[in-house]
Amino acid sequence: MGNISGKPIIRLMNNGDFAVISGNGTNSNDGEAGIFIFLINPTSGFSKTIFLGTEAGNSISPDGIDYVSSADLNGDHFVDYLYAGDTDGNVWRFNVTGSSSSDWHVSTFGKSSPTPLFTTASGQPITTKILVNSNIAPNGSPQIMLQFGTGNTVPLTNTSPATYATTQQAIYDIWDGGMSTWNGLTGATKYNAWPSGTSLPLTPGNLQTNSITNTGTASNGDQAVNVSSNNVCWAGSGTCNGGSAQYGSMLNLPSVTSNGTTLYQQVTYNPSFVEGAAVFDTTIPPYNNAYSCNSGAQTGFTYAFNPLTGGAIANGFFRSSGTNGAAITLGGIPVSGLQLNATGSPTVVSANGTPVMVQQTVSGNPVATAVFPAGGMGSQVNWIELR
């Protein structure tokens, strides 16, 4: 194992065992990205360790996985697939549908070796978990969607400051339509599958691009952004009118220039699924200069997206206080992002029947923001049982 920064998950597997599941971390001895599944039989106490390697990375050019997400596709509380992104920008799916652990493997999608579902632009690193949820596709069938962002933080040490990714980063919304094997299982919920001829791994060229359309001061006084919600021409839908078939969407995160230095906004905290929306807290690295004794605090935006389109939520997500609070707007349009300077992942509580998102900020003061239920745009398919 390498340096583990992600939090392991505990899940019930299809062989009846409980499992502690973790990425193998960075800087492992052989540099291969993969996940560990530590099995514990609830009756006998027998334990077993399984490593599922992706064959990506080596000791010369190391790769690694920090976080793993689970998906229960038929609602029986047994994990069916695991998803993880690696530091080289690959998204992997692990098939654990079999009743025997010997059948579990990295998905190949019909090829002879482990194959990524998606690769990011120029190897943008994925160091947080992937959101897994189900939406209703335009053809009326359920469709598995994955949301994640890219970025990286290397914490400070005794000899060096914290460092961040130094190129443009993005937020992605990807359709996992590799469901032909799953759909063939007896009694399985049938999910929207890719059309035949889909070539993997998918890349940003297979996606619709959304963009930031406006920035400024929102109706509540915070700095805010509007984001487009461009229609995705879903592959196999037959509605592309000669356009390129698409498998999701992406948003390139903007950079900031401070004292002549370009600082790249990025995702270094786990996203959350909140009231039917995919919510991301981004990090804008601080401008620090030892020569001028300048030391700043990181800032960042909180974004909320429609998990089917990866774009703006039409009726808004962020609300002013009160049950009937109006959407927070910029230029008369509901905002998609507010500069809340939040750290970590958001937590949602209910106050007088209104969902409220509570987040810690870099200033040390928590911020609470009323949010609007997104009306069933998506439903979570990864889970954890709390006792």
Foldseek 3Di string as FASTA:
>chain_A
DEDADADWAWAQALLRWIWTKFKPDWDDQFQWTWMKTWTAHPPPRDIDIDIATQPPTGNVGHKIWHDKFFFDQAPPRHTAWIWTFMQQFFIWIWGRNDNDNVPIHTDPLPDDGRFTQEGEPRRFGFHAYKFWWWFQDPVRAIWIKIKGWGKDWDPDDPVGHIDIDDDWIKIWIFTDQSCPVVCPDPPGRDHHHADPPDDPNHYQVQAAEKEWDDWDAWPVGFTFTAIDQDDAQDHPPPPQVPDHHHGAYMYTFDWDADPNDIWYKTFDAYWDQDLQWTKTWIWGCDDDDVVVRDDDWIWTKIFTALSRRRHAQQLEWWFDDDPPTHAIDDPPGRTGMTGPQFDHYWDWDADPNWIWTWTAHRVRDIDITTTDNSPPRIGGRTDHDDD
